[in-house]
Amino acid sequence: MKNLEDKIISFDDWSQPWTFHGFVSYNKILSIDEVNLFNKIWKEAGDAALWKYSDLTLGCKASHTYIEKHYDLPDKAIANIVRALSYEWK
């Protein structure tokens, strides 16, 4: 899981946030299990039920809290996932 955490945290091209998912999931250093885990987190944390609010900030908080409760990831990794997901909901 350390490779996955490092990859998520290393993303810094926020001028192109839509590239985040591919940056993480199409990386050769990650195992298939890590990629599958990332895709699972992405799908669950991006669920419409968490992003149903008219205020994007509330969706970010809901998604962040969901990941925090269900996965053992550092805060910076969670923040990057939520930041990237927020662009999907703008």
PDB file of N, CA and C in Angstrom:
ATOM      1  N   MET A   1       0.823  -1.191   0.000  1.00  0.00           N
ATOM      2  CA  MET A   1       0.000   0.000   0.000  1.00  0.00           C
ATOM      3  C   MET A   1       0.872   1.262   0.000  1.00  0.00           C
ATOM      4  N   LYS A   2       2.100   1.128   0.432  1.00  0.00           N
ATOM      5  CA  LYS A   2       3.007   2.282   0.468  1.00  0.00           C
ATOM      6  C   LYS A   2       3.222   2.851  -0.927  1.00  0.00           C
ATOM      7  N   ASN A   3       3.376   1.983  -1.931  1.00  0.00           N
ATOM      8  CA  ASN A   3       3.536   2.477  -3.306  1.00  0.00           C
ATOM      9  C   ASN A   3       2.317   3.280  -3.744  1.00  0.00           C
ATOM     10  N   LEU A   4       1.141   2.790  -3.401  1.00  0.00           N
ATOM     11  CA  LEU A   4      -0.092   3.486  -3.764  1.00  0.00           C
ATOM     12  C   LEU A   4      -0.158   4.842  -3.077  1.00  0.00           C
ATOM     13  N   GLU A   5       0.116   4.873  -1.794  1.00  0.00           N
ATOM     14  CA  GLU A   5       0.111   6.141  -1.059  1.00  0.00           C
ATOM     15  C   GLU A   5       1.084   7.132  -1.686  1.00  0.00           C
ATOM     16  N   ASP A   6       2.296   6.664  -1.953  1.00  0.00           N
ATOM     17  CA  ASP A   6       3.319   7.539  -2.534  1.00  0.00           C
ATOM     18  C   ASP A   6       2.891   8.088  -3.887  1.00  0.00           C
ATOM     19  N   LYS A   7       2.274   7.238  -4.692  1.00  0.00           N
ATOM     20  CA  LYS A   7       1.845   7.678  -6.024  1.00  0.00           C
ATOM     21  C   LYS A   7       0.742   8.722  -5.917  1.00  0.00           C
ATOM     22  N   ILE A   8      -0.223   8.491  -5.058  1.00  0.00           N
ATOM     23  CA  ILE A   8      -1.322   9.449  -4.867  1.00  0.00           C
ATOM     24  C   ILE A   8      -0.777  10.791  -4.386  1.00  0.00           C
ATOM     25  N   ILE A   9       0.122  10.746  -3.426  1.00  0.00           N
ATOM     26  CA  ILE A   9       0.684  11.969  -2.849  1.00  0.00           C
ATOM     27  C   ILE A   9       1.573  12.704  -3.841  1.00  0.00           C
ATOM     28  N   SER A  10       2.224  11.979  -4.729  1.00  0.00           N
ATOM     29  CA  SER A  10       3.176  12.612  -5.651  1.00  0.00           C
ATOM     30  C   SER A  10       2.514  13.403  -6.782  1.00  0.00           C
ATOM     31  N   PHE A  11       1.222  13.212  -7.000  1.00  0.00           N
ATOM     32  CA  PHE A  11       0.556  13.960  -8.077  1.00  0.00           C
ATOM     33  C   PHE A  11       0.601  15.448  -7.766  1.00  0.00           C
ATOM     34  N   ASP A  12       1.056  16.235  -8.752  1.00  0.00           N
ATOM     35  CA  ASP A  12       1.136  17.677  -8.532  1.00  0.00           C
ATOM     36  C   ASP A  12       0.700  18.511  -9.735  1.00  0.00           C
ATOM     37  N   ASP A  13       0.113  17.890 -10.724  1.00  0.00           N
ATOM     38  CA  ASP A  13      -0.306  18.622 -11.924  1.00  0.00           C
ATOM     39  C   ASP A  13      -1.759  19.071 -11.796  1.00  0.00           C
ATOM     40  N   TRP A  14      -2.004  19.954 -10.843  1.00  0.00           N
ATOM     41  CA  TRP A  14      -3.374  20.389 -10.586  1.00  0.00           C
ATOM     42  C   TRP A  14      -3.901  21.343 -11.648  1.00  0.00           C
ATOM     43  N   SER A  15      -3.062  21.716 -12.605  1.00  0.00           N
ATOM     44  CA  SER A  15      -3.580  22.473 -13.749  1.00  0.00           C
ATOM     45  C   SER A  15      -4.347  21.542 -14.690  1.00  0.00           C
ATOM     46  N   GLN A  16      -4.169  20.228 -14.494  1.00  0.00           N
ATOM     47  CA  GLN A  16      -4.877  19.207 -15.274  1.00  0.00           C
ATOM     48  C   GLN A  16      -5.403  18.120 -14.322  1.00  0.00           C
ATOM     49  N   PRO A  17      -6.337  18.474 -13.461  1.00  0.00           N
ATOM     50  CA  PRO A  17      -6.800  17.523 -12.440  1.00  0.00           C
ATOM     51  C   PRO A  17      -7.452  16.271 -13.010  1.00  0.00           C
ATOM     52  N   TRP A  18      -7.945  16.361 -14.221  1.00  0.00           N
ATOM     53  CA  TRP A  18      -8.587  15.200 -14.853  1.00  0.00           C
ATOM     54  C   TRP A  18      -7.584  14.086 -15.147  1.00  0.00           C
ATOM     55  N   THR A  19      -6.289  14.373 -15.054  1.00  0.00           N
ATOM     56  CA  THR A  19      -5.270  13.354 -15.309  1.00  0.00           C
ATOM     57  C   THR A  19      -4.908  12.552 -14.053  1.00  0.00           C
ATOM     58  N   PHE A  20      -5.441  12.959 -12.905  1.00  0.00           N
ATOM     59  CA  PHE A  20      -5.084  12.315 -11.637  1.00  0.00           C
ATOM     60  C   PHE A  20      -5.373  10.813 -11.646  1.00  0.00           C
ATOM     61  N   HIS A  21      -6.581  10.441 -12.016  1.00  0.00           N
ATOM     62  CA  HIS A  21      -6.955   9.020 -11.974  1.00  0.00           C
ATOM     63  C   HIS A  21      -6.018   8.181 -12.837  1.00  0.00           C
ATOM     64  N   GLY A  22      -5.755   8.612 -14.047  1.00  0.00           N
ATOM     65  CA  GLY A  22      -4.847   7.880 -14.926  1.00  0.00           C
ATOM     66  C   GLY A  22      -3.417   7.861 -14.412  1.00  0.00           C
ATOM     67  N   PHE A  23      -2.988   8.970 -13.838  1.00  0.00           N
ATOM     68  CA  PHE A  23      -1.647   9.073 -13.262  1.00  0.00           C
ATOM     69  C   PHE A  23      -1.428   7.983 -12.218  1.00  0.00           C
ATOM     70  N   VAL A  24      -2.431   7.757 -11.410  1.00  0.00           N
ATOM     71  CA  VAL A  24      -2.318   6.739 -10.358  1.00  0.00           C
ATOM     72  C   VAL A  24      -2.574   5.343 -10.921  1.00  0.00           C
ATOM     73  N   SER A  25      -3.662   5.162 -11.632  1.00  0.00           N
ATOM     74  CA  SER A  25      -4.080   3.805 -12.001  1.00  0.00           C
ATOM     75  C   SER A  25      -3.293   3.183 -13.151  1.00  0.00           C
ATOM     76  N   TYR A  26      -2.630   3.993 -13.958  1.00  0.00           N
ATOM     77  CA  TYR A  26      -1.855   3.429 -15.070  1.00  0.00           C
ATOM     78  C   TYR A  26      -0.364   3.472 -14.800  1.00  0.00           C
ATOM     79  N   ASN A  27      -0.001   3.351 -13.551  1.00  0.00           N
ATOM     80  CA  ASN A  27       1.395   3.410 -13.165  1.00  0.00           C
ATOM     81  C   ASN A  27       1.971   2.007 -13.063  1.00  0.00           C
ATOM     82  N   LYS A  28       3.133   1.809 -13.638  1.00  0.00           N
ATOM     83  CA  LYS A  28       3.754   0.477 -13.706  1.00  0.00           C
ATOM     84  C   LYS A  28       4.271  -0.036 -12.357  1.00  0.00           C
ATOM     85  N   ILE A  29       4.539   0.869 -11.401  1.00  0.00           N
ATOM     86  CA  ILE A  29       5.093   0.395 -10.126  1.00  0.00           C
ATOM     87  C   ILE A  29       4.029  -0.174  -9.193  1.00  0.00           C
ATOM     88  N   LEU A  30       2.779   0.105  -9.484  1.00  0.00           N
ATOM     89  CA  LEU A  30       1.705  -0.391  -8.627  1.00  0.00           C
ATOM     90  C   LEU A  30       1.319  -1.817  -9.008  1.00  0.00           C
ATOM     91  N   SER A  31       1.030  -2.607  -8.000  1.00  0.00           N
ATOM     92  CA  SER A  31       0.544  -3.964  -8.252  1.00  0.00           C
ATOM     93  C   SER A  31      -0.917  -3.895  -8.702  1.00  0.00           C
ATOM     94  N   ILE A  32      -1.397  -4.985  -9.240  1.00  0.00           N
ATOM     95  CA  ILE A  32      -2.799  -5.044  -9.660  1.00  0.00           C
ATOM     96  C   ILE A  32      -3.713  -4.850  -8.454  1.00  0.00           C
ATOM     97  N   ASP A  33      -3.332  -5.415  -7.321  1.00  0.00           N
ATOM     98  CA  ASP A  33      -4.132  -5.236  -6.102  1.00  0.00           C
ATOM     99  C   ASP A  33      -4.200  -3.768  -5.690  1.00  0.00           C
ATOM    100  N   GLU A  34      -3.084  -3.059  -5.819  1.00  0.00           N
ATOM    101  CA  GLU A  34      -3.068  -1.631  -5.470  1.00  0.00           C
ATOM    102  C   GLU A  34      -3.935  -0.821  -6.426  1.00  0.00           C
ATOM    103  N   VAL A  35      -3.855  -1.129  -7.704  1.00  0.00           N
ATOM    104  CA  VAL A  35      -4.689  -0.431  -8.691  1.00  0.00           C
ATOM    105  C   VAL A  35      -6.164  -0.717  -8.421  1.00  0.00           C
ATOM    106  N   ASN A  36      -6.481  -1.971  -8.144  1.00  0.00           N
ATOM    107  CA  ASN A  36      -7.874  -2.324  -7.832  1.00  0.00           C
ATOM    108  C   ASN A  36      -8.363  -1.610  -6.575  1.00  0.00           C
ATOM    109  N   LEU A  37      -7.502  -1.524  -5.574  1.00  0.00           N
ATOM    110  CA  LEU A  37      -7.863  -0.813  -4.348  1.00  0.00           C
ATOM    111  C   LEU A  37      -8.100   0.668  -4.645  1.00  0.00           C
ATOM    112  N   PHE A  38      -7.213   1.274  -5.414  1.00  0.00           N
ATOM    113  CA  PHE A  38      -7.389   2.683  -5.767  1.00  0.00           C
ATOM    114  C   PHE A  38      -8.708   2.889  -6.504  1.00  0.00           C
ATOM    115  N   ASN A  39      -9.007   2.038  -7.466  1.00  0.00           N
ATOM    116  CA  ASN A  39     -10.258   2.170  -8.220  1.00  0.00           C
ATOM    117  C   ASN A  39     -11.481   1.988  -7.321  1.00  0.00           C
ATOM    118  N   LYS A  40     -11.372   1.113  -6.341  1.00  0.00           N
ATOM    119  CA  LYS A  40     -12.459   0.906  -5.379  1.00  0.00           C
ATOM    120  C   LYS A  40     -12.664   2.168  -4.537  1.00  0.00           C
ATOM    121  N   ILE A  41     -11.571   2.718  -4.029  1.00  0.00           N
ATOM    122  CA  ILE A  41     -11.657   3.953  -3.242  1.00  0.00           C
ATOM    123  C   ILE A  41     -12.249   5.067  -4.095  1.00  0.00           C
ATOM    124  N   TRP A  42     -11.761   5.209  -5.322  1.00  0.00           N
ATOM    125  CA  TRP A  42     -12.220   6.256  -6.237  1.00  0.00           C
ATOM    126  C   TRP A  42     -13.730   6.149  -6.480  1.00  0.00           C
ATOM    127  N   LYS A  43     -14.175   4.929  -6.737  1.00  0.00           N
ATOM    128  CA  LYS A  43     -15.600   4.719  -7.010  1.00  0.00           C
ATOM    129  C   LYS A  43     -16.451   5.027  -5.778  1.00  0.00           C
ATOM    130  N   GLU A  44     -16.049   4.499  -4.645  1.00  0.00           N
ATOM    131  CA  GLU A  44     -16.826   4.698  -3.420  1.00  0.00           C
ATOM    132  C   GLU A  44     -16.819   6.158  -2.970  1.00  0.00           C
ATOM    133  N   ALA A  45     -15.660   6.789  -3.003  1.00  0.00           N
ATOM    134  CA  ALA A  45     -15.549   8.181  -2.541  1.00  0.00           C
ATOM    135  C   ALA A  45     -16.164   9.163  -3.528  1.00  0.00           C
ATOM    136  N   GLY A  46     -16.386   8.710  -4.745  1.00  0.00           N
ATOM    137  CA  GLY A  46     -17.013   9.552  -5.755  1.00  0.00           C
ATOM    138  C   GLY A  46     -18.494   9.287  -5.933  1.00  0.00           C
ATOM    139  N   ASP A  47     -19.045   8.444  -5.078  1.00  0.00           N
ATOM    140  CA  ASP A  47     -20.465   8.102  -5.173  1.00  0.00           C
ATOM    141  C   ASP A  47     -21.341   9.351  -5.048  1.00  0.00           C
ATOM    142  N   ALA A  48     -22.361   9.410  -5.860  1.00  0.00           N
ATOM    143  CA  ALA A  48     -23.253  10.578  -5.896  1.00  0.00           C
ATOM    144  C   ALA A  48     -23.866  10.900  -4.535  1.00  0.00           C
ATOM    145  N   ALA A  49     -24.081   9.892  -3.712  1.00  0.00           N
ATOM    146  CA  ALA A  49     -24.670  10.134  -2.385  1.00  0.00           C
ATOM    147  C   ALA A  49     -23.786  11.035  -1.525  1.00  0.00           C
ATOM    148  N   LEU A  50     -22.483  10.989  -1.765  1.00  0.00           N
ATOM    149  CA  LEU A  50     -21.559  11.830  -1.001  1.00  0.00           C
ATOM    150  C   LEU A  50     -21.430  13.233  -1.589  1.00  0.00           C
ATOM    151  N   TRP A  51     -21.837  13.390  -2.824  1.00  0.00           N
ATOM    152  CA  TRP A  51     -21.646  14.655  -3.545  1.00  0.00           C
ATOM    153  C   TRP A  51     -22.972  15.308  -3.910  1.00  0.00           C
ATOM    154  N   LYS A  52     -24.026  14.998  -3.193  1.00  0.00           N
ATOM    155  CA  LYS A  52     -25.369  15.464  -3.547  1.00  0.00           C
ATOM    156  C   LYS A  52     -25.647  16.907  -3.141  1.00  0.00           C
ATOM    157  N   TYR A  53     -24.718  17.524  -2.471  1.00  0.00           N
ATOM    158  CA  TYR A  53     -24.929  18.869  -1.940  1.00  0.00           C
ATOM    159  C   TYR A  53     -24.706  19.940  -3.008  1.00  0.00           C
ATOM    160  N   SER A  54     -25.421  21.044  -2.877  1.00  0.00           N
ATOM    161  CA  SER A  54     -25.214  22.153  -3.810  1.00  0.00           C
ATOM    162  C   SER A  54     -23.889  22.859  -3.522  1.00  0.00           C
ATOM    163  N   ASP A  55     -23.391  22.705  -2.302  1.00  0.00           N
ATOM    164  CA  ASP A  55     -22.108  23.290  -1.908  1.00  0.00           C
ATOM    165  C   ASP A  55     -21.015  22.228  -2.075  1.00  0.00           C
ATOM    166  N   LEU A  56     -20.088  22.472  -2.978  1.00  0.00           N
ATOM    167  CA  LEU A  56     -19.021  21.517  -3.272  1.00  0.00           C
ATOM    168  C   LEU A  56     -18.190  21.192  -2.025  1.00  0.00           C
ATOM    169  N   THR A  57     -18.047  22.156  -1.139  1.00  0.00           N
ATOM    170  CA  THR A  57     -17.281  21.949   0.090  1.00  0.00           C
ATOM    171  C   THR A  57     -17.883  20.837   0.944  1.00  0.00           C
ATOM    172  N   LEU A  58     -19.198  20.768   0.985  1.00  0.00           N
ATOM    173  CA  LEU A  58     -19.859  19.709   1.759  1.00  0.00           C
ATOM    174  C   LEU A  58     -19.596  18.337   1.148  1.00  0.00           C
ATOM    175  N   GLY A  59     -19.579  18.262  -0.166  1.00  0.00           N
ATOM    176  CA  GLY A  59     -19.244  17.011  -0.838  1.00  0.00           C
ATOM    177  C   GLY A  59     -17.815  16.592  -0.546  1.00  0.00           C
ATOM    178  N   CYS A  60     -16.913  17.563  -0.554  1.00  0.00           N
ATOM    179  CA  CYS A  60     -15.511  17.271  -0.232  1.00  0.00           C
ATOM    180  C   CYS A  60     -15.385  16.718   1.183  1.00  0.00           C
ATOM    181  N   LYS A  61     -16.073  17.341   2.116  1.00  0.00           N
ATOM    182  CA  LYS A  61     -16.020  16.883   3.509  1.00  0.00           C
ATOM    183  C   LYS A  61     -16.607  15.481   3.650  1.00  0.00           C
ATOM    184  N   ALA A  62     -17.719  15.233   2.991  1.00  0.00           N
ATOM    185  CA  ALA A  62     -18.353  13.912   3.067  1.00  0.00           C
ATOM    186  C   ALA A  62     -17.448  12.835   2.475  1.00  0.00           C
ATOM    187  N   SER A  63     -16.848  13.130   1.340  1.00  0.00           N
ATOM    188  CA  SER A  63     -15.963  12.175   0.684  1.00  0.00           C
ATOM    189  C   SER A  63     -14.714  11.926   1.528  1.00  0.00           C
ATOM    190  N   HIS A  64     -14.141  12.986   2.060  1.00  0.00           N
ATOM    191  CA  HIS A  64     -12.950  12.873   2.906  1.00  0.00           C
ATOM    192  C   HIS A  64     -13.247  12.009   4.128  1.00  0.00           C
ATOM    193  N   THR A  65     -14.368  12.281   4.771  1.00  0.00           N
ATOM    194  CA  THR A  65     -14.763  11.517   5.956  1.00  0.00           C
ATOM    195  C   THR A  65     -14.975  10.046   5.610  1.00  0.00           C
ATOM    196  N   TYR A  66     -15.596   9.782   4.465  1.00  0.00           N
ATOM    197  CA  TYR A  66     -15.830   8.402   4.036  1.00  0.00           C
ATOM    198  C   TYR A  66     -14.502   7.652   3.883  1.00  0.00           C
ATOM    199  N   ILE A  67     -13.567   8.257   3.171  1.00  0.00           N
ATOM    200  CA  ILE A  67     -12.275   7.593   2.952  1.00  0.00           C
ATOM    201  C   ILE A  67     -11.562   7.378   4.284  1.00  0.00           C
ATOM    202  N   GLU A  68     -11.576   8.400   5.113  1.00  0.00           N
ATOM    203  CA  GLU A  68     -10.912   8.332   6.414  1.00  0.00           C
ATOM    204  C   GLU A  68     -11.453   7.189   7.274  1.00  0.00           C
ATOM    205  N   LYS A  69     -12.762   6.981   7.234  1.00  0.00           N
ATOM    206  CA  LYS A  69     -13.396   5.930   8.039  1.00  0.00           C
ATOM    207  C   LYS A  69     -13.157   4.526   7.490  1.00  0.00           C
ATOM    208  N   HIS A  70     -13.006   4.413   6.174  1.00  0.00           N
ATOM    209  CA  HIS A  70     -12.955   3.088   5.553  1.00  0.00           C
ATOM    210  C   HIS A  70     -11.570   2.624   5.101  1.00  0.00           C
ATOM    211  N   TYR A  71     -10.617   3.545   5.011  1.00  0.00           N
ATOM    212  CA  TYR A  71      -9.297   3.185   4.483  1.00  0.00           C
ATOM    213  C   TYR A  71      -8.196   3.811   5.323  1.00  0.00           C
ATOM    214  N   ASP A  72      -7.112   3.098   5.445  1.00  0.00           N
ATOM    215  CA  ASP A  72      -5.965   3.576   6.217  1.00  0.00           C
ATOM    216  C   ASP A  72      -4.992   4.295   5.279  1.00  0.00           C
ATOM    217  N   LEU A  73      -5.329   5.537   4.975  1.00  0.00           N
ATOM    218  CA  LEU A  73      -4.485   6.351   4.102  1.00  0.00           C
ATOM    219  C   LEU A  73      -4.076   7.619   4.840  1.00  0.00           C
ATOM    220  N   PRO A  74      -2.886   8.141   4.536  1.00  0.00           N
ATOM    221  CA  PRO A  74      -2.494   9.412   5.151  1.00  0.00           C
ATOM    222  C   PRO A  74      -3.392  10.552   4.662  1.00  0.00           C
ATOM    223  N   ASP A  75      -3.499  11.576   5.473  1.00  0.00           N
ATOM    224  CA  ASP A  75      -4.384  12.696   5.163  1.00  0.00           C
ATOM    225  C   ASP A  75      -4.074  13.332   3.808  1.00  0.00           C
ATOM    226  N   LYS A  76      -2.798  13.447   3.460  1.00  0.00           N
ATOM    227  CA  LYS A  76      -2.413  14.063   2.177  1.00  0.00           C
ATOM    228  C   LYS A  76      -2.937  13.231   1.002  1.00  0.00           C
ATOM    229  N   ALA A  77      -2.891  11.917   1.120  1.00  0.00           N
ATOM    230  CA  ALA A  77      -3.413  11.053   0.054  1.00  0.00           C
ATOM    231  C   ALA A  77      -4.923  11.218  -0.067  1.00  0.00           C
ATOM    232  N   ILE A  78      -5.602  11.253   1.068  1.00  0.00           N
ATOM    233  CA  ILE A  78      -7.055  11.460   1.053  1.00  0.00           C
ATOM    234  C   ILE A  78      -7.378  12.807   0.427  1.00  0.00           C
ATOM    235  N   ALA A  79      -6.636  13.828   0.823  1.00  0.00           N
ATOM    236  CA  ALA A  79      -6.874  15.174   0.291  1.00  0.00           C
ATOM    237  C   ALA A  79      -6.706  15.211  -1.226  1.00  0.00           C
ATOM    238  N   ASN A  80      -5.700  14.525  -1.745  1.00  0.00           N
ATOM    239  CA  ASN A  80      -5.495  14.515  -3.198  1.00  0.00           C
ATOM    240  C   ASN A  80      -6.626  13.788  -3.925  1.00  0.00           C
ATOM    241  N   ILE A  81      -7.077  12.685  -3.373  1.00  0.00           N
ATOM    242  CA  ILE A  81      -8.192  11.961  -3.990  1.00  0.00           C
ATOM    243  C   ILE A  81      -9.435  12.842  -4.009  1.00  0.00           C
ATOM    244  N   VAL A  82      -9.741  13.449  -2.878  1.00  0.00           N
ATOM    245  CA  VAL A  82     -10.935  14.295  -2.780  1.00  0.00           C
ATOM    246  C   VAL A  82     -10.813  15.507  -3.695  1.00  0.00           C
ATOM    247  N   ARG A  83      -9.637  16.089  -3.750  1.00  0.00           N
ATOM    248  CA  ARG A  83      -9.443  17.250  -4.634  1.00  0.00           C
ATOM    249  C   ARG A  83      -9.714  16.864  -6.085  1.00  0.00           C
ATOM    250  N   ALA A  84      -9.164  15.734  -6.506  1.00  0.00           N
ATOM    251  CA  ALA A  84      -9.387  15.282  -7.885  1.00  0.00           C
ATOM    252  C   ALA A  84     -10.858  14.961  -8.124  1.00  0.00           C
ATOM    253  N   LEU A  85     -11.487  14.301  -7.177  1.00  0.00           N
ATOM    254  CA  LEU A  85     -12.910  13.984  -7.324  1.00  0.00           C
ATOM    255  C   LEU A  85     -13.761  15.245  -7.407  1.00  0.00           C
ATOM    256  N   SER A  86     -13.380  16.272  -6.689  1.00  0.00           N
ATOM    257  CA  SER A  86     -14.180  17.501  -6.685  1.00  0.00           C
ATOM    258  C   SER A  86     -14.279  18.110  -8.077  1.00  0.00           C
ATOM    259  N   TYR A  87     -13.247  17.922  -8.886  1.00  0.00           N
ATOM    260  CA  TYR A  87     -13.296  18.432 -10.256  1.00  0.00           C
ATOM    261  C   TYR A  87     -14.293  17.655 -11.110  1.00  0.00           C
ATOM    262  N   GLU A  88     -14.558  16.423 -10.718  1.00  0.00           N
ATOM    263  CA  GLU A  88     -15.558  15.618 -11.421  1.00  0.00           C
ATOM    264  C   GLU A  88     -16.967  16.130 -11.142  1.00  0.00           C
ATOM    265  N   TRP A  89     -17.120  16.808 -10.007  1.00  0.00           N
ATOM    266  CA  TRP A  89     -18.447  17.252  -9.572  1.00  0.00           C
ATOM    267  C   TRP A  89     -18.685  18.744  -9.773  1.00  0.00           C
ATOM    268  N   LYS A  90     -17.714  19.461 -10.305  1.00  0.00           N
ATOM    269  CA  LYS A  90     -17.903  20.904 -10.539  1.00  0.00           C
ATOM    270  C   LYS A  90     -18.866  21.130 -11.664  1.00  0.00           C
TER     271      LYS A  90
END
